[in-house]
């Protein structure tokens, strides 16, 4: 079975990392190509291949797509991307073509996807079984929701063979943020949440390197890609200074590859004269840090929340306030795990210090939540493809 997986990360890297985990699982058993076309990201390809389209990203106002390469015009990039996508489908002839989020999102990429689907349907491109890979929660539409949902339903029913929802239906369903679910005529399958397959139990090594005893506390604070949330890290540093002297604590910050340089420098300067505060841009071993830590403080994006659930670590999460996606997720999983949701008012140093102390006293707790989403995605795609072949 040959699979091409289309993922466009125009803002942040959460969608990319979830798609990467799925593609790695697919590549263990099938020829898999991950199709990317956003800002540069490091990809350890392993057994899969990648197709890198000319990059597009959101402009500073988060309104329009712009080329990652400023030398190119938007029209040039769009034309080249379409050409490369069509060439890939002609040459590779994938059995399955998966779109990350589209048509539940990524409307800006209709310019290349709609012609591709139409060409598959009329036979000018080899036909693939088209499937949608979508996370648990959609970003709400303030305006035009009815039109958006109608377009999504029509596109799914016309071109797609199935929808893979990367969630545990006992925690949250796609219907919580998409009201026309019953109008979708193709199969919808809940895979469970997607987590990294490895737990990277590096807790002893990390704690030993930092000179931590069994009673010392380690706090890890992070903001994912770093596009937003630097105010959380600033607040955590101030609250850290207000913590009681006992038990001894260390704080590790991960600012994210896209954190603005001024915020990063400010945090690095705060760590210069401290033996207990450490600041880095990013780590490729975040699950190992969660295994080592006693408390996580973070945003509430999909991948971060899944890491928290997998580790069973007590956590404070600060949802992105521009939409309800992160807050809804945090509140739902907070009923299953030792997770407390922060508000903007909680960023006051004294209040936050109190919350940190209370969470540090909580034990780890593995929740009863389905976290095998990558493996289940592989199994379900195999099942759908098998049904198609038997028809």
Protein backbone atom coordinates (compact mmCIF):
# COMPACT_ATOMS: atom_id res chain seq x y z
CA UNK A 1 0.00 0.00 0.00
CA UNK A 2 1.37 3.43 -0.97
CA UNK A 3 0.30 6.44 1.09
CA UNK A 4 0.82 10.15 0.45
CA UNK A 5 0.09 12.36 3.46
CA UNK A 6 -0.48 16.08 2.79
CA UNK A 7 0.24 18.38 5.77
CA UNK A 8 0.66 22.16 5.57
CA UNK A 9 1.87 23.86 8.78
CA UNK A 10 1.48 27.58 8.14
CA UNK A 11 1.38 28.61 11.81
CA UNK A 12 3.02 26.57 14.55
CA UNK A 13 4.24 22.98 14.35
CA UNK A 14 1.57 21.00 16.21
CA UNK A 15 -0.14 19.72 13.05
CA UNK A 16 3.24 18.78 11.62
CA UNK A 17 4.30 16.71 14.63
CA UNK A 18 0.99 14.82 14.77
CA UNK A 19 1.21 14.07 11.05
CA UNK A 20 4.84 13.03 11.44
CA UNK A 21 3.93 10.53 14.16
CA UNK A 22 1.23 9.03 11.92
CA UNK A 23 3.55 8.84 8.91
CA UNK A 24 6.26 7.13 10.94
CA UNK A 25 3.74 4.49 11.98
CA UNK A 26 2.57 4.07 8.39
CA UNK A 27 6.12 3.80 7.08
CA UNK A 28 6.79 0.78 9.29
CA UNK A 29 4.46 -1.20 7.02
CA UNK A 30 3.81 0.82 3.88
CA UNK A 31 5.57 3.10 1.40
CA UNK A 32 4.79 6.56 2.78
CA UNK A 33 5.45 10.10 1.57
CA UNK A 34 4.88 13.14 3.80
CA UNK A 35 4.06 16.22 1.70
CA UNK A 36 5.07 19.48 3.37
CA UNK A 37 5.02 23.10 2.26
CA UNK A 38 5.39 25.46 5.22
CA UNK A 39 8.26 27.11 7.08
CA UNK A 40 11.36 24.88 7.30
CA UNK A 41 11.20 22.09 9.88
CA UNK A 42 13.62 19.29 10.70
CA UNK A 43 12.36 15.91 9.54
CA UNK A 44 14.04 12.68 10.56
CA UNK A 45 12.66 10.74 7.62
CA UNK A 46 13.54 7.22 8.73
CA UNK A 47 11.64 4.83 6.49
CA UNK A 48 9.39 7.44 4.89
CA UNK A 49 10.00 9.93 2.09
CA UNK A 50 9.21 13.63 2.04
CA UNK A 51 8.04 15.92 -0.74
CA UNK A 52 8.85 19.56 0.03
CA UNK A 53 6.65 22.03 -1.84
CA UNK A 54 7.71 25.71 -2.10
CA UNK A 55 6.86 27.07 1.33
CA UNK A 56 3.86 29.19 2.30
CA UNK A 57 3.20 30.72 5.73
CA UNK A 58 0.80 33.17 7.36
CA UNK A 59 1.59 36.88 7.19
CA UNK A 60 2.21 38.79 10.46
CA UNK A 61 -1.50 39.73 10.65
CA UNK A 62 -2.53 36.04 10.31
CA UNK A 63 -4.75 36.98 7.37
CA UNK A 64 -3.11 35.75 4.16
CA UNK A 65 -0.57 33.27 2.86
CA UNK A 66 2.82 34.61 1.78
CA UNK A 67 5.85 32.82 0.29
CA UNK A 68 8.48 31.68 2.78
CA UNK A 69 11.03 32.71 0.15
CA UNK A 70 10.59 36.49 -0.30
CA UNK A 71 12.24 36.33 -3.73
CA UNK A 72 9.23 34.45 -5.13
CA UNK A 73 5.79 35.86 -5.81
CA UNK A 74 2.68 34.20 -4.43
CA UNK A 75 1.52 33.36 -7.97
CA UNK A 76 4.86 31.68 -8.76
CA UNK A 77 4.73 29.61 -5.60
CA UNK A 78 1.15 28.50 -6.20
CA UNK A 79 1.89 27.46 -9.77
CA UNK A 80 4.98 25.49 -8.80
CA UNK A 81 3.19 23.76 -5.93
CA UNK A 82 0.34 22.61 -8.19
CA UNK A 83 2.83 21.30 -10.73
CA UNK A 84 4.76 19.36 -8.10
CA UNK A 85 1.62 17.87 -6.53
CA UNK A 86 0.25 16.72 -9.87
CA UNK A 87 3.64 15.27 -10.86
CA UNK A 88 3.86 13.39 -7.57
CA UNK A 89 0.44 11.79 -8.04
CA UNK A 90 1.19 10.83 -11.65
CA UNK A 91 4.57 9.32 -10.83
CA UNK A 92 3.95 7.75 -7.42
CA UNK A 93 0.30 6.72 -7.95
CA UNK A 94 -0.50 6.47 -4.22
CA UNK A 95 -3.25 4.10 -3.17
CA UNK A 96 -4.28 6.49 -0.40
CA UNK A 97 -4.05 10.29 -0.31
CA UNK A 98 -4.55 11.79 3.16
CA UNK A 99 -5.15 15.47 3.83
CA UNK A 100 -4.41 16.85 7.27
CA UNK A 101 -7.46 18.92 8.35
CA UNK A 102 -8.80 19.79 4.88
CA UNK A 103 -11.70 20.38 4.25
CA UNK A 104 -12.36 21.15 7.94
CA UNK A 105 -9.66 23.80 7.62
CA UNK A 106 -6.85 24.90 5.32
CA UNK A 107 -9.29 26.74 3.04
CA UNK A 108 -6.38 28.79 1.74
CA UNK A 109 -5.07 25.65 0.01
CA UNK A 110 -8.16 25.06 -2.12
CA UNK A 111 -6.18 26.52 -5.03
CA UNK A 112 -4.17 23.28 -5.28
CA UNK A 113 -6.43 20.68 -3.66
CA UNK A 114 -9.69 21.26 -5.52
CA UNK A 115 -8.05 20.87 -8.98
CA UNK A 116 -6.28 17.76 -7.69
CA UNK A 117 -9.48 16.12 -6.44
CA UNK A 118 -11.34 17.03 -9.62
CA UNK A 119 -8.54 15.53 -11.73
CA UNK A 120 -8.68 12.31 -9.72
CA UNK A 121 -12.41 12.14 -10.24
CA UNK A 122 -12.35 12.74 -14.00
CA UNK A 123 -9.46 10.32 -14.55
CA UNK A 124 -6.79 12.80 -15.62
CA UNK A 125 -4.89 11.82 -12.44
CA UNK A 126 -4.65 8.28 -11.03
CA UNK A 127 -7.39 7.72 -8.49
CA UNK A 128 -6.54 7.38 -4.80
CA UNK A 129 -8.67 6.65 -1.78
CA UNK A 130 -8.86 10.15 -0.23
CA UNK A 131 -9.12 10.41 3.54
CA UNK A 132 -9.16 13.33 5.97
CA UNK A 133 -7.01 13.33 9.10
CA UNK A 134 -8.43 15.77 11.65
CA UNK A 135 -7.63 16.57 15.27
CA UNK A 136 -10.15 16.50 18.10
CA UNK A 137 -11.32 20.13 18.03
CA UNK A 138 -11.90 22.56 15.16
CA UNK A 139 -11.21 26.28 15.47
CA UNK A 140 -14.62 27.90 15.73
CA UNK A 141 -15.94 30.09 12.94
CA UNK A 142 -17.17 33.43 14.27
CA UNK A 143 -18.66 34.38 10.91
CA UNK A 144 -19.84 32.24 8.02
CA UNK A 145 -20.04 28.99 9.99
CA UNK A 146 -23.05 27.67 8.07
CA UNK A 147 -21.35 28.25 4.71
CA UNK A 148 -18.08 26.73 5.94
CA UNK A 149 -19.78 23.60 7.25
CA UNK A 150 -21.85 23.16 4.09
CA UNK A 151 -18.72 23.41 1.93
CA UNK A 152 -16.88 20.90 4.13
CA UNK A 153 -19.77 18.42 3.95
CA UNK A 154 -20.06 18.74 0.17
CA UNK A 155 -16.32 18.31 -0.35
CA UNK A 156 -16.13 15.26 1.92
CA UNK A 157 -19.13 13.55 0.34
CA UNK A 158 -17.92 14.28 -3.20
CA UNK A 159 -14.23 13.40 -3.01
CA UNK A 160 -13.39 11.54 0.22
CA UNK A 161 -13.73 7.97 1.42
CA UNK A 162 -13.36 8.45 5.16
CA UNK A 163 -12.58 10.78 8.06
CA UNK A 164 -10.06 9.88 10.76
CA UNK A 165 -10.69 11.83 13.98
CA UNK A 166 -7.65 11.75 16.25
CA UNK A 167 -9.52 11.75 19.54
CA UNK A 168 -11.07 9.49 22.13
CA UNK A 169 -14.84 9.77 21.66
CA UNK A 170 -15.31 9.28 25.40
CA UNK A 171 -13.43 12.56 25.94
CA UNK A 172 -14.51 14.71 22.99
CA UNK A 173 -16.14 14.24 19.60
CA UNK A 174 -15.90 16.12 16.34
CA UNK A 175 -19.56 17.00 16.78
CA UNK A 176 -18.64 19.25 19.69
CA UNK A 177 -17.23 21.78 17.21
CA UNK A 178 -18.90 20.74 13.92
CA UNK A 179 -22.71 20.83 13.90
CA UNK A 180 -23.28 19.12 10.51
CA UNK A 181 -21.69 15.79 11.42
CA UNK A 182 -24.86 13.86 10.56
CA UNK A 183 -24.77 15.24 7.00
CA UNK A 184 -21.45 13.52 6.28
CA UNK A 185 -22.20 10.33 4.35
CA UNK A 186 -18.74 8.73 4.47
CA UNK A 187 -17.37 6.72 7.42
CA UNK A 188 -16.02 8.62 10.45
CA UNK A 189 -13.61 6.72 12.67
CA UNK A 190 -12.16 7.78 16.04
CA UNK A 191 -8.56 6.62 16.26
CA UNK A 192 -7.80 7.70 19.80
CA UNK A 193 -5.38 10.56 20.44
CA UNK A 194 -2.05 10.55 18.62
CA UNK A 195 1.01 10.46 20.85
CA UNK A 196 4.63 9.68 20.19
CA UNK A 197 5.05 5.94 20.26
CA UNK A 198 8.02 6.12 22.61
CA UNK A 199 7.93 7.35 26.19
CA UNK A 200 11.67 8.09 26.30
CA UNK A 201 12.07 7.17 29.94
CA UNK A 202 15.11 9.38 30.40
CA UNK A 203 14.11 10.59 33.84
CA UNK A 204 17.11 9.22 35.77
CA UNK A 205 19.67 10.52 33.27
CA UNK A 206 18.20 14.04 33.18
CA UNK A 207 17.82 14.26 36.94
CA UNK A 208 21.34 12.95 37.46
CA UNK A 209 22.80 15.47 35.02
CA UNK A 210 21.04 18.28 36.87
CA UNK A 211 22.18 17.03 40.27
CA UNK A 212 18.63 16.47 41.51
CA UNK A 213 17.94 14.25 44.50
CA UNK A 214 14.80 12.14 44.87
CA UNK A 215 13.16 14.90 46.93
CA UNK A 216 14.19 17.84 44.72
CA UNK A 217 11.56 19.10 42.30
CA UNK A 218 11.95 19.70 38.55
CA UNK A 219 9.49 21.97 36.71
CA UNK A 220 9.36 22.05 32.90
CA UNK A 221 7.67 25.05 31.27
CA UNK A 222 7.09 25.17 27.50
CA UNK A 223 5.06 26.95 24.81
CA UNK A 224 5.20 24.54 21.88
CA UNK A 225 6.40 26.21 18.70
CA UNK A 226 6.67 29.55 20.48
CA UNK A 227 4.55 31.67 18.12
CA UNK A 228 2.44 32.65 21.12
CA UNK A 229 2.64 32.27 24.89
CA UNK A 230 5.90 33.97 25.86
CA UNK A 231 3.94 35.83 28.58
CA UNK A 232 3.39 32.46 30.28
CA UNK A 233 7.13 31.82 30.52
CA UNK A 234 7.77 35.31 31.85
CA UNK A 235 5.09 34.76 34.51
CA UNK A 236 6.51 31.35 35.43
CA UNK A 237 9.98 32.84 35.99
CA UNK A 238 8.51 35.50 38.30
CA UNK A 239 6.47 32.90 40.18
CA UNK A 240 9.49 30.62 40.47
CA UNK A 241 11.29 33.35 42.42
CA UNK A 242 8.32 33.47 44.81
CA UNK A 243 8.30 29.73 45.61
CA UNK A 244 9.21 28.53 49.12
CA UNK A 245 12.84 27.52 49.62
CA UNK A 246 11.76 23.95 50.42
CA UNK A 247 11.61 21.66 48.62
CA UNK A 248 14.50 22.75 46.35
CA UNK A 249 13.31 23.29 42.77
CA UNK A 250 14.83 23.65 39.32
CA UNK A 251 13.03 25.21 36.37
CA UNK A 252 13.67 24.29 32.73
CA UNK A 253 12.14 26.53 30.03
CA UNK A 254 11.64 25.56 26.39
CA UNK A 255 10.75 28.70 24.40
CA UNK A 256 10.05 27.09 21.02
CA UNK A 257 11.79 27.56 17.66
CA UNK A 258 9.47 30.42 16.66
CA UNK A 259 9.62 32.41 19.92
CA UNK A 260 10.54 36.01 19.11
CA UNK A 261 14.17 36.88 19.72
CA UNK A 262 13.51 39.66 22.24
CA UNK A 263 11.46 37.40 24.54
CA UNK A 264 14.04 34.65 24.24
CA UNK A 265 16.88 37.03 25.15
CA UNK A 266 14.89 38.35 28.13
CA UNK A 267 14.45 34.84 29.49
CA UNK A 268 18.08 33.88 28.85
CA UNK A 269 19.19 36.97 30.76
CA UNK A 270 16.99 35.96 33.71
CA UNK A 271 18.83 32.63 33.82
CA UNK A 272 22.35 34.04 33.69
CA UNK A 273 22.79 34.41 37.44
CA UNK A 274 20.78 31.38 38.49
CA UNK A 275 21.84 27.78 39.04
CA UNK A 276 18.23 26.63 39.19
CA UNK A 277 16.82 28.26 36.02
CA UNK A 278 17.71 26.92 32.55
CA UNK A 279 16.45 28.25 29.21
CA UNK A 280 16.60 26.53 25.80
CA UNK A 281 14.83 27.02 22.51
CA UNK A 282 13.71 23.45 21.93
CA UNK A 283 14.28 19.80 22.73
CA UNK A 284 13.80 16.73 20.56
CA UNK A 285 13.26 14.71 23.75
CA UNK A 286 10.29 16.42 25.39
CA UNK A 287 8.72 13.13 26.62
CA UNK A 288 11.98 12.36 28.44
CA UNK A 289 11.81 15.71 30.22
CA UNK A 290 8.22 15.00 31.25
CA UNK A 291 9.34 11.63 32.57
CA UNK A 292 11.99 13.40 34.62
CA UNK A 293 9.88 16.32 35.85
CA UNK A 294 7.47 16.70 38.74
CA UNK A 295 5.34 19.39 37.09
CA UNK A 296 4.70 20.66 33.57
CA UNK A 297 3.52 24.20 32.79
CA UNK A 298 2.52 24.79 29.18
CA UNK A 299 0.04 25.91 26.59
CA UNK A 300 -2.75 23.45 25.79
CA UNK A 301 -2.11 22.52 22.18
CA UNK A 302 -2.97 19.03 20.95
CA UNK A 303 0.52 17.51 21.00
CA UNK A 304 1.48 19.00 24.35
CA UNK A 305 -1.71 17.74 25.97
CA UNK A 306 -1.13 14.26 24.55
CA UNK A 307 2.40 14.26 25.96
CA UNK A 308 0.96 15.21 29.36
CA UNK A 309 -1.59 12.41 29.24
CA UNK A 310 1.00 9.87 28.20
CA UNK A 311 3.35 10.91 31.01
CA UNK A 312 0.57 11.19 33.61
CA UNK A 313 2.40 14.22 35.01
CA UNK A 314 0.66 16.90 37.11
CA UNK A 315 0.31 19.99 34.94
CA UNK A 316 -0.78 23.59 34.70
CA UNK A 317 -1.98 24.54 31.22
CA UNK A 318 -2.61 28.01 29.82
CA UNK A 319 -4.95 27.83 26.80
CA UNK A 320 -4.43 30.15 23.84
CA UNK A 321 -7.11 32.78 24.40
CA UNK A 322 -7.88 33.78 20.79
CA UNK A 323 -10.17 30.80 20.30
CA UNK A 324 -11.79 28.14 22.45
CA UNK A 325 -9.94 25.12 21.02
CA UNK A 326 -7.23 24.83 23.67
CA UNK A 327 -9.50 25.68 26.60
CA UNK A 328 -12.11 23.12 25.57
CA UNK A 329 -9.45 20.42 25.22
CA UNK A 330 -7.84 21.32 28.54
CA UNK A 331 -11.14 21.29 30.40
CA UNK A 332 -12.12 17.90 28.95
CA UNK A 333 -8.84 16.13 29.66
CA UNK A 334 -8.64 17.85 33.04
CA UNK A 335 -11.49 15.58 34.15
CA UNK A 336 -9.31 12.55 33.38
CA UNK A 337 -5.84 13.65 34.48
CA UNK A 338 -4.07 15.81 37.13
CA UNK A 339 -4.31 18.93 34.97
CA UNK A 340 -5.39 22.40 36.13
CA UNK A 341 -6.39 25.11 33.66
CA UNK A 342 -4.91 28.59 34.10
CA UNK A 343 -6.59 31.89 33.29
CA UNK A 344 -4.92 35.21 32.52
CA UNK A 345 -5.53 36.31 36.13
CA UNK A 346 -3.54 33.31 37.37
CA UNK A 347 -0.34 34.72 35.83
CA UNK A 348 0.05 37.00 38.84
CA UNK A 349 3.37 35.80 40.40
CA UNK A 350 1.97 35.14 43.89
CA UNK A 351 -1.15 33.38 42.62
CA UNK A 352 0.86 31.30 40.16
CA UNK A 353 3.41 30.37 42.82
CA UNK A 354 0.59 29.02 44.98
CA UNK A 355 -0.82 26.97 42.10
CA UNK A 356 2.64 25.61 41.32
CA UNK A 357 3.14 24.52 44.93
CA UNK A 358 -0.24 22.75 45.00
CA UNK A 359 0.38 20.94 41.71
CA UNK A 360 3.87 19.88 42.82
CA UNK A 361 2.22 18.03 45.70
CA UNK A 362 -0.01 15.97 43.37
CA UNK A 363 1.06 12.46 42.31
CA UNK A 364 1.31 11.22 38.76
CA UNK A 365 -1.83 9.55 37.42
CA UNK A 366 -2.17 7.67 34.15
CA UNK A 367 -5.62 8.45 32.72
CA UNK A 368 -7.95 5.95 31.07
CA UNK A 369 -7.78 7.63 27.67
CA UNK A 370 -7.07 6.02 24.28
CA UNK A 371 -3.64 7.22 23.16
CA UNK A 372 -2.86 4.77 20.34
CA UNK A 373 -4.01 7.04 17.52
CA UNK A 374 -1.09 6.52 15.13
CA UNK A 375 -1.30 2.72 15.18
CA UNK A 376 -5.09 2.80 14.92
CA UNK A 377 -4.85 5.19 11.95
CA UNK A 378 -2.68 2.64 10.14
CA UNK A 379 -5.10 -0.16 10.94
CA UNK A 380 -8.14 1.78 9.77
CA UNK A 381 -6.53 2.95 6.52
CA UNK A 382 -5.62 -0.66 5.78
CA UNK A 383 -9.21 -1.70 6.46
CA UNK A 384 -10.71 1.01 4.23
CA UNK A 385 -8.26 0.24 1.43
CA UNK A 386 -9.03 -3.46 1.72
CA UNK A 387 -12.75 -2.78 1.41
CA UNK A 388 -12.12 -0.62 -1.66
CA UNK A 389 -10.06 -3.33 -3.32
CA UNK A 390 -12.78 -5.91 -2.71
CA UNK A 391 -15.47 -3.79 -4.33
